[in-house]
Amino acid sequence: MRKVIRVLGLVLGAYLIVRAVAEPFVIDVSDPATYRDDWGGPGLAGVLAVHCGPGLISAAVMAWALVRRRSRPGERSRRGPVGHPGEGAAQGVPGPE
């Protein structure tokens, strides 16, 4: 069930990020008539905050989760320290000596 929630979260986050990137190109920022009736309107700052804000938050959460996942202490201790001289000795691979 957790994997399903993660996948759905990634899909939703990717959608929000794509929407945030596309929004400035969809509206004509120099013509207020194109975004006046949008959510967050009539000002450009409000429209961009409403349409791009969730994408920025999604990107930050996804980046945080990726960094957190890569720096889990349990994962590191299983593999051993990186660059340790006896790293391959347990598998029968000769060391750098």
Protein backbone atom coordinates (compact mmCIF):
# COMPACT_ATOMS: atom_id res chain seq x y z
CA MET A 1 0.00 0.00 0.00
CA ARG A 2 2.91 2.34 0.74
CA LYS A 3 4.34 1.82 -2.72
CA VAL A 4 1.01 2.70 -4.32
CA ILE A 5 0.84 5.91 -2.29
CA ARG A 6 4.42 6.78 -3.23
CA VAL A 7 3.78 6.18 -6.93
CA LEU A 8 0.59 8.27 -6.83
CA GLY A 9 2.49 11.00 -4.99
CA LEU A 10 5.24 10.97 -7.62
CA VAL A 11 2.72 11.17 -10.44
CA LEU A 12 0.85 14.05 -8.79
CA GLY A 13 4.12 15.82 -7.98
CA ALA A 14 5.39 15.43 -11.55
CA TYR A 15 2.10 16.83 -12.87
CA LEU A 16 2.34 19.86 -10.57
CA ILE A 17 5.96 20.48 -11.56
CA VAL A 18 5.16 20.30 -15.29
CA ARG A 19 2.20 22.61 -14.74
CA ALA A 20 4.41 25.08 -12.85
CA VAL A 21 6.97 25.10 -15.65
CA ALA A 22 4.33 25.50 -18.36
CA GLU A 23 2.19 28.19 -16.70
CA PRO A 24 4.34 31.23 -17.60
CA PHE A 25 4.30 30.11 -21.23
CA VAL A 26 0.54 29.45 -21.30
CA ILE A 27 -0.44 32.92 -20.17
CA ASP A 28 0.71 36.17 -21.72
CA VAL A 29 2.40 37.87 -18.77
CA SER A 30 2.29 41.24 -20.52
CA ASP A 31 -1.50 41.09 -21.07
CA PRO A 32 -3.53 41.00 -17.83
CA ALA A 33 -6.66 39.98 -19.76
CA THR A 34 -5.19 36.48 -20.25
CA TYR A 35 -4.93 35.74 -16.53
CA ARG A 36 -7.40 38.14 -14.89
CA ASP A 37 -10.11 35.49 -14.39
CA ASP A 38 -7.74 32.67 -13.39
CA TRP A 39 -7.42 31.44 -9.81
CA GLY A 40 -5.28 33.87 -7.87
CA GLY A 41 -6.16 36.73 -10.24
CA PRO A 42 -6.46 39.51 -11.10
CA GLY A 43 -2.75 40.08 -10.28
CA LEU A 44 0.09 38.23 -11.95
CA ALA A 45 1.79 37.43 -8.64
CA GLY A 46 -1.34 35.73 -7.31
CA VAL A 47 -1.86 33.71 -10.48
CA LEU A 48 1.74 32.52 -10.49
CA ALA A 49 1.61 31.73 -6.77
CA VAL A 50 -1.52 29.62 -7.17
CA HIS A 51 -0.43 27.85 -10.35
CA CYS A 52 3.33 27.54 -9.78
CA GLY A 53 3.49 27.35 -5.98
CA PRO A 54 2.32 23.73 -5.65
CA GLY A 55 4.88 22.68 -8.27
CA LEU A 56 7.69 24.37 -6.37
CA ILE A 57 6.56 22.73 -3.13
CA SER A 58 6.35 19.34 -4.88
CA ALA A 59 9.86 19.72 -6.29
CA ALA A 60 11.20 20.63 -2.84
CA VAL A 61 9.47 17.66 -1.18
CA MET A 62 10.70 15.26 -3.88
CA ALA A 63 14.27 16.57 -3.55
CA TRP A 64 14.09 16.28 0.25
CA ALA A 65 12.82 12.70 0.00
CA LEU A 66 15.57 11.78 -2.46
CA VAL A 67 18.30 13.24 -0.26
CA ARG A 68 16.80 11.57 2.81
CA ARG A 69 16.62 8.23 1.04
CA ARG A 70 20.23 8.41 -0.14
CA SER A 71 21.59 9.29 3.28
CA ARG A 72 19.92 6.57 5.35
CA PRO A 73 22.39 5.26 7.90
CA GLY A 74 21.15 1.65 7.61
CA GLU A 75 21.96 1.50 3.91
CA ARG A 76 25.52 2.65 4.44
CA SER A 77 26.36 0.22 7.22
CA ARG A 78 25.27 -2.76 5.11
CA ARG A 79 27.59 -1.85 2.26
CA GLY A 80 30.49 -0.80 4.43
CA PRO A 81 32.46 2.40 4.23
CA VAL A 82 33.14 3.71 0.77
CA GLY A 83 36.74 3.30 -0.34
CA HIS A 84 37.66 0.98 2.55
CA PRO A 85 40.87 -0.96 1.73
CA GLY A 86 39.35 -4.35 2.58
CA GLU A 87 36.10 -3.66 0.73
CA GLY A 88 36.45 -6.50 -1.78
CA ALA A 89 38.19 -8.96 0.54
CA ALA A 90 34.95 -10.46 1.87
CA GLN A 91 33.90 -11.45 -1.64
CA GLY A 92 37.26 -13.00 -2.49
CA VAL A 93 38.40 -10.09 -4.61
CA PRO A 94 42.03 -9.13 -4.07
CA GLY A 95 42.64 -5.71 -2.54
CA PRO A 96 44.68 -2.86 -4.00
CA GLU A 97 47.93 -4.07 -2.33
